[in-house]
All heavy atoms as atom14 arrays in JSON, in Angstrom:
{
  "sequence": "PDPKGLFKIDETKQPPVFEYARPGDPPGER",
  "atom14_mask": [
    [1, 1, 1, 1, 1, 1, 1, 0, 0, 0, 0, 0, 0, 0],
    [1, 1, 1, 1, 1, 1, 1, 1, 0, 0, 0, 0, 0, 0],
    [1, 1, 1, 1, 1, 1, 1, 0, 0, 0, 0, 0, 0, 0],
    [1, 1, 1, 1, 1, 1, 1, 1, 1, 0, 0, 0, 0, 0],
    [1, 1, 1, 1, 0, 0, 0, 0, 0, 0, 0, 0, 0, 0],
    [1, 1, 1, 1, 1, 1, 1, 1, 0, 0, 0, 0, 0, 0],
    [1, 1, 1, 1, 1, 1, 1, 1, 1, 1, 1, 0, 0, 0],
    [1, 1, 1, 1, 1, 1, 1, 1, 1, 0, 0, 0, 0, 0],
    [1, 1, 1, 1, 1, 1, 1, 1, 0, 0, 0, 0, 0, 0],
    [1, 1, 1, 1, 1, 1, 1, 1, 0, 0, 0, 0, 0, 0],
    [1, 1, 1, 1, 1, 1, 1, 1, 1, 0, 0, 0, 0, 0],
    [1, 1, 1, 1, 1, 1, 1, 0, 0, 0, 0, 0, 0, 0],
    [1, 1, 1, 1, 1, 1, 1, 1, 1, 0, 0, 0, 0, 0],
    [1, 1, 1, 1, 1, 1, 1, 1, 1, 0, 0, 0, 0, 0],
    [1, 1, 1, 1, 1, 1, 1, 0, 0, 0, 0, 0, 0, 0],
    [1, 1, 1, 1, 1, 1, 1, 0, 0, 0, 0, 0, 0, 0],
    [1, 1, 1, 1, 1, 1, 1, 0, 0, 0, 0, 0, 0, 0],
    [1, 1, 1, 1, 1, 1, 1, 1, 1, 1, 1, 0, 0, 0],
    [1, 1, 1, 1, 1, 1, 1, 1, 1, 0, 0, 0, 0, 0],
    [1, 1, 1, 1, 1, 1, 1, 1, 1, 1, 1, 1, 0, 0],
    [1, 1, 1, 1, 1, 0, 0, 0, 0, 0, 0, 0, 0, 0],
    [1, 1, 1, 1, 1, 1, 1, 1, 1, 1, 1, 0, 0, 0],
    [1, 1, 1, 1, 1, 1, 1, 0, 0, 0, 0, 0, 0, 0],
    [1, 1, 1, 1, 0, 0, 0, 0, 0, 0, 0, 0, 0, 0],
    [1, 1, 1, 1, 1, 1, 1, 1, 0, 0, 0, 0, 0, 0],
    [1, 1, 1, 1, 1, 1, 1, 0, 0, 0, 0, 0, 0, 0],
    [1, 1, 1, 1, 1, 1, 1, 0, 0, 0, 0, 0, 0, 0],
    [1, 1, 1, 1, 0, 0, 0, 0, 0, 0, 0, 0, 0, 0],
    [1, 1, 1, 1, 1, 1, 1, 1, 1, 0, 0, 0, 0, 0],
    [1, 1, 1, 1, 1, 1, 1, 1, 1, 1, 1, 0, 0, 0]
  ],
  "atom14_positions": [
    [[0.94, -5.18, 9.13], [1.48, -3.98, 8.47], [2.85, -3.62, 9.04], [3.15, -3.91, 10.2], [0.45, -2.89, 8.8], [-0.8, -3.64, 9.12], [-0.35, -4.93, 9.74], [0.0, 0.0, 0.0], [0.0, 0.0, 0.0], [0.0, 0.0, 0.0], [0.0, 0.0, 0.0], [0.0, 0.0, 0.0], [0.0, 0.0, 0.0], [0.0, 0.0, 0.0]],
    [[3.66, -2.99, 8.21], [5.02, -2.6, 8.59], [5.21, -1.15, 8.14], [5.14, -0.86, 6.95], [6.02, -3.5, 7.89], [7.47, -3.12, 8.12], [7.74, -2.15, 8.86], [8.34, -3.81, 7.57], [0.0, 0.0, 0.0], [0.0, 0.0, 0.0], [0.0, 0.0, 0.0], [0.0, 0.0, 0.0], [0.0, 0.0, 0.0], [0.0, 0.0, 0.0]],
    [[5.44, -0.22, 9.08], [5.59, 1.17, 8.67], [6.73, 1.39, 7.67], [6.73, 2.37, 6.93], [5.86, 1.92, 9.97], [6.05, 0.91, 11.02], [5.61, -0.43, 10.5], [0.0, 0.0, 0.0], [0.0, 0.0, 0.0], [0.0, 0.0, 0.0], [0.0, 0.0, 0.0], [0.0, 0.0, 0.0], [0.0, 0.0, 0.0], [0.0, 0.0, 0.0]],
    [[7.69, 0.46, 7.61], [8.79, 0.58, 6.65], [8.5, -0.21, 5.37], [9.35, -0.28, 4.5], [10.09, 0.09, 7.28], [10.54, 0.93, 8.45], [11.81, 0.37, 9.04], [12.21, 1.18, 10.26], [13.38, 0.61, 10.92], [0.0, 0.0, 0.0], [0.0, 0.0, 0.0], [0.0, 0.0, 0.0], [0.0, 0.0, 0.0], [0.0, 0.0, 0.0]],
    [[7.32, -0.82, 5.28], [6.97, -1.63, 4.12], [6.97, -0.81, 2.84], [6.69, 0.39, 2.85], [0.0, 0.0, 0.0], [0.0, 0.0, 0.0], [0.0, 0.0, 0.0], [0.0, 0.0, 0.0], [0.0, 0.0, 0.0], [0.0, 0.0, 0.0], [0.0, 0.0, 0.0], [0.0, 0.0, 0.0], [0.0, 0.0, 0.0], [0.0, 0.0, 0.0]],
    [[7.27, -1.46, 1.74], [7.36, -0.78, 0.45], [6.06, -0.8, -0.35], [5.96, -0.15, -1.37], [8.46, -1.43, -0.4], [9.86, -1.39, 0.17], [10.82, -2.13, -0.75], [10.32, 0.04, 0.38], [0.0, 0.0, 0.0], [0.0, 0.0, 0.0], [0.0, 0.0, 0.0], [0.0, 0.0, 0.0], [0.0, 0.0, 0.0], [0.0, 0.0, 0.0]],
    [[5.07, -1.56, 0.13], [3.85, -1.74, -0.65], [2.63, -1.2, 0.07], [2.51, -1.31, 1.29], [3.62, -3.23, -0.95], [4.67, -3.83, -1.82], [5.81, -4.38, -1.27], [4.53, -3.83, -3.2], [6.8, -4.93, -2.07], [5.51, -4.37, -4.01], [6.65, -4.92, -3.44], [0.0, 0.0, 0.0], [0.0, 0.0, 0.0], [0.0, 0.0, 0.0]],
    [[1.73, -0.64, -0.7], [0.41, -0.26, -0.19], [-0.58, -1.2, -0.84], [-0.31, -1.79, -1.9], [0.09, 1.19, -0.51], [0.06, 1.5, -1.99], [-0.19, 2.96, -2.26], [-0.19, 3.2, -3.78], [-0.48, 4.55, -4.11], [0.0, 0.0, 0.0], [0.0, 0.0, 0.0], [0.0, 0.0, 0.0], [0.0, 0.0, 0.0], [0.0, 0.0, 0.0]],
    [[-1.72, -1.36, -0.23], [-2.7, -2.33, -0.72], [-3.92, -1.59, -1.28], [-4.38, -0.61, -0.73], [-3.1, -3.3, 0.41], [-3.98, -4.41, -0.12], [-3.78, -2.58, 1.55], [-4.23, -5.53, 0.88], [0.0, 0.0, 0.0], [0.0, 0.0, 0.0], [0.0, 0.0, 0.0], [0.0, 0.0, 0.0], [0.0, 0.0, 0.0], [0.0, 0.0, 0.0]],
    [[-4.4, -2.08, -2.41], [-5.63, -1.58, -3.01], [-6.67, -2.67, -2.81], [-6.74, -3.64, -3.56], [-5.44, -1.27, -4.49], [-6.69, -0.71, -5.14], [-7.77, -0.74, -4.5], [-6.6, -0.26, -6.29], [0.0, 0.0, 0.0], [0.0, 0.0, 0.0], [0.0, 0.0, 0.0], [0.0, 0.0, 0.0], [0.0, 0.0, 0.0], [0.0, 0.0, 0.0]],
    [[-7.47, -2.52, -1.75], [-8.45, -3.55, -1.41], [-9.74, -3.41, -2.21], [-10.66, -4.2, -2.02], [-8.73, -3.53, 0.08], [-7.53, -3.98, 0.89], [-7.79, -3.99, 2.37], [-7.98, -2.9, 2.94], [-7.79, -5.1, 2.95], [0.0, 0.0, 0.0], [0.0, 0.0, 0.0], [0.0, 0.0, 0.0], [0.0, 0.0, 0.0], [0.0, 0.0, 0.0]],
    [[-9.82, -2.41, -3.08], [-11.02, -2.29, -3.91], [-11.02, -3.35, -4.99], [-12.03, -3.58, -5.62], [-11.13, -0.9, -4.56], [-10.03, -0.71, -5.46], [-11.13, 0.2, -3.5], [0.0, 0.0, 0.0], [0.0, 0.0, 0.0], [0.0, 0.0, 0.0], [0.0, 0.0, 0.0], [0.0, 0.0, 0.0], [0.0, 0.0, 0.0], [0.0, 0.0, 0.0]],
    [[-9.88, -3.99, -5.2], [-9.75, -5.04, -6.21], [-9.71, -6.39, -5.51], [-9.24, -6.51, -4.39], [-8.49, -4.83, -7.03], [-8.51, -3.5, -7.77], [-7.24, -3.24, -8.51], [-7.32, -1.89, -9.19], [-6.07, -1.43, -9.68], [0.0, 0.0, 0.0], [0.0, 0.0, 0.0], [0.0, 0.0, 0.0], [0.0, 0.0, 0.0], [0.0, 0.0, 0.0]],
    [[-10.22, -7.41, -6.16], [-10.18, -8.77, -5.62], [-9.53, -9.7, -6.62], [-10.0, -9.77, -7.75], [-11.59, -9.26, -5.28], [-12.15, -8.62, -4.04], [-11.31, -8.88, -2.8], [-10.79, -9.98, -2.6], [-11.13, -7.87, -1.99], [0.0, 0.0, 0.0], [0.0, 0.0, 0.0], [0.0, 0.0, 0.0], [0.0, 0.0, 0.0], [0.0, 0.0, 0.0]],
    [[-8.47, -10.41, -6.29], [-7.79, -10.32, -5.01], [-7.12, -8.96, -4.84], [-6.95, -8.23, -5.82], [-6.75, -11.44, -5.08], [-6.51, -11.66, -6.53], [-7.79, -11.32, -7.22], [0.0, 0.0, 0.0], [0.0, 0.0, 0.0], [0.0, 0.0, 0.0], [0.0, 0.0, 0.0], [0.0, 0.0, 0.0], [0.0, 0.0, 0.0], [0.0, 0.0, 0.0]],
    [[-6.73, -8.62, -3.61], [-6.1, -7.32, -3.37], [-4.86, -7.14, -4.24], [-4.15, -8.1, -4.52], [-5.71, -7.37, -1.89], [-6.51, -8.48, -1.3], [-6.82, -9.43, -2.39], [0.0, 0.0, 0.0], [0.0, 0.0, 0.0], [0.0, 0.0, 0.0], [0.0, 0.0, 0.0], [0.0, 0.0, 0.0], [0.0, 0.0, 0.0], [0.0, 0.0, 0.0]],
    [[-4.6, -5.91, -4.63], [-3.42, -5.59, -5.43], [-2.46, -4.78, -4.57], [-2.86, -3.81, -3.92], [-3.8, -4.81, -6.71], [-2.56, -4.34, -7.45], [-4.67, -5.67, -7.62], [0.0, 0.0, 0.0], [0.0, 0.0, 0.0], [0.0, 0.0, 0.0], [0.0, 0.0, 0.0], [0.0, 0.0, 0.0], [0.0, 0.0, 0.0], [0.0, 0.0, 0.0]],
    [[-1.2, -5.19, -4.55], [-0.16, -4.5, -3.8], [0.67, -3.69, -4.78], [1.23, -4.24, -5.73], [0.72, -5.5, -3.05], [0.01, -6.17, -1.91], [-0.82, -7.25, -2.14], [0.17, -5.7, -0.63], [-1.48, -7.87, -1.09], [-0.49, -6.31, 0.43], [-1.32, -7.4, 0.19], [0.0, 0.0, 0.0], [0.0, 0.0, 0.0], [0.0, 0.0, 0.0]],
    [[0.72, -2.4, -4.55], [1.48, -1.49, -5.42], [2.59, -0.85, -4.6], [2.44, -0.67, -3.4], [0.56, -0.41, -5.97], [-0.62, -0.96, -6.75], [-1.64, 0.11, -7.08], [-1.71, 1.14, -6.39], [-2.38, -0.1, -8.05], [0.0, 0.0, 0.0], [0.0, 0.0, 0.0], [0.0, 0.0, 0.0], [0.0, 0.0, 0.0], [0.0, 0.0, 0.0]],
    [[3.67, -0.47, -5.28], [4.73, 0.25, -4.57], [4.18, 1.55, -4.03], [3.49, 2.29, -4.74], [5.91, 0.55, -5.5], [6.87, -0.6, -5.65], [6.92, -1.34, -6.82], [7.72, -0.95, -4.62], [7.79, -2.41, -6.96], [8.59, -2.02, -4.73], [8.62, -2.72, -5.9], [9.48, -3.78, -6.03], [0.0, 0.0, 0.0], [0.0, 0.0, 0.0]],
    [[4.48, 1.83, -2.77], [4.13, 3.12, -2.18], [5.16, 4.14, -2.67], [6.34, 3.84, -2.78], [4.15, 3.02, -0.66], [0.0, 0.0, 0.0], [0.0, 0.0, 0.0], [0.0, 0.0, 0.0], [0.0, 0.0, 0.0], [0.0, 0.0, 0.0], [0.0, 0.0, 0.0], [0.0, 0.0, 0.0], [0.0, 0.0, 0.0], [0.0, 0.0, 0.0]],
    [[4.68, 5.31, -3.01], [5.57, 6.35, -3.52], [5.63, 7.51, -2.55], [4.67, 7.75, -1.82], [5.06, 6.84, -4.87], [5.03, 5.75, -5.9], [4.28, 6.22, -7.14], [4.02, 5.07, -7.99], [4.67, 4.83, -9.11], [5.6, 5.64, -9.53], [4.38, 3.76, -9.82], [0.0, 0.0, 0.0], [0.0, 0.0, 0.0], [0.0, 0.0, 0.0]],
    [[6.74, 8.26, -2.56], [6.78, 9.44, -1.72], [5.6, 10.35, -2.08], [5.25, 10.52, -3.23], [8.11, 10.11, -2.09], [8.93, 9.01, -2.68], [7.96, 8.06, -3.33], [0.0, 0.0, 0.0], [0.0, 0.0, 0.0], [0.0, 0.0, 0.0], [0.0, 0.0, 0.0], [0.0, 0.0, 0.0], [0.0, 0.0, 0.0], [0.0, 0.0, 0.0]],
    [[4.97, 10.9, -1.07], [3.83, 11.77, -1.31], [2.49, 11.06, -1.29], [1.45, 11.7, -1.3], [0.0, 0.0, 0.0], [0.0, 0.0, 0.0], [0.0, 0.0, 0.0], [0.0, 0.0, 0.0], [0.0, 0.0, 0.0], [0.0, 0.0, 0.0], [0.0, 0.0, 0.0], [0.0, 0.0, 0.0], [0.0, 0.0, 0.0], [0.0, 0.0, 0.0]],
    [[2.51, 9.7, -1.27], [1.24, 8.97, -1.15], [0.64, 9.29, 0.21], [1.36, 9.53, 1.18], [1.46, 7.46, -1.23], [1.59, 6.96, -2.65], [1.31, 7.73, -3.59], [1.97, 5.78, -2.82], [0.0, 0.0, 0.0], [0.0, 0.0, 0.0], [0.0, 0.0, 0.0], [0.0, 0.0, 0.0], [0.0, 0.0, 0.0], [0.0, 0.0, 0.0]],
    [[-0.69, 9.29, 0.3], [-1.3, 9.54, 1.61], [-0.88, 8.47, 2.61], [-0.58, 7.35, 2.22], [-2.79, 9.47, 1.34], [-2.96, 8.98, -0.05], [-1.64, 9.04, -0.74], [0.0, 0.0, 0.0], [0.0, 0.0, 0.0], [0.0, 0.0, 0.0], [0.0, 0.0, 0.0], [0.0, 0.0, 0.0], [0.0, 0.0, 0.0], [0.0, 0.0, 0.0]],
    [[-0.84, 8.85, 3.87], [-0.45, 7.85, 4.87], [-1.43, 6.69, 4.87], [-2.59, 6.84, 4.52], [-0.49, 8.61, 6.19], [-1.09, 9.92, 5.92], [-1.18, 10.11, 4.45], [0.0, 0.0, 0.0], [0.0, 0.0, 0.0], [0.0, 0.0, 0.0], [0.0, 0.0, 0.0], [0.0, 0.0, 0.0], [0.0, 0.0, 0.0], [0.0, 0.0, 0.0]],
    [[-0.95, 5.57, 5.27], [-1.78, 4.37, 5.33], [-0.92, 3.18, 5.66], [0.3, 3.31, 5.79], [0.0, 0.0, 0.0], [0.0, 0.0, 0.0], [0.0, 0.0, 0.0], [0.0, 0.0, 0.0], [0.0, 0.0, 0.0], [0.0, 0.0, 0.0], [0.0, 0.0, 0.0], [0.0, 0.0, 0.0], [0.0, 0.0, 0.0], [0.0, 0.0, 0.0]],
    [[-1.54, 2.04, 5.78], [-0.79, 0.83, 6.09], [0.13, 0.46, 4.95], [-0.23, 0.6, 3.78], [-1.75, -0.32, 6.37], [-2.52, -0.16, 7.65], [-3.4, -1.34, 7.95], [-3.88, -2.01, 7.01], [-3.61, -1.61, 9.14], [0.0, 0.0, 0.0], [0.0, 0.0, 0.0], [0.0, 0.0, 0.0], [0.0, 0.0, 0.0], [0.0, 0.0, 0.0]],
    [[1.31, 0.0, 5.3], [2.29, -0.47, 4.33], [2.59, -1.93, 4.66], [2.49, -2.37, 5.8], [3.58, 0.35, 4.39], [3.39, 1.83, 4.13], [3.03, 2.07, 2.67], [2.99, 3.48, 2.35], [1.88, 4.15, 2.09], [0.71, 3.56, 2.14], [1.92, 5.42, 1.78], [0.0, 0.0, 0.0], [0.0, 0.0, 0.0], [0.0, 0.0, 0.0]]
  ]
}
């Protein structure tokens, strides 16, 4: 993970889906 990363991961989907993190998204790994 990279705190400056632009993507968040949705691991509820297989394979995982990486979506752009947006301002206001809850904190989490990027």
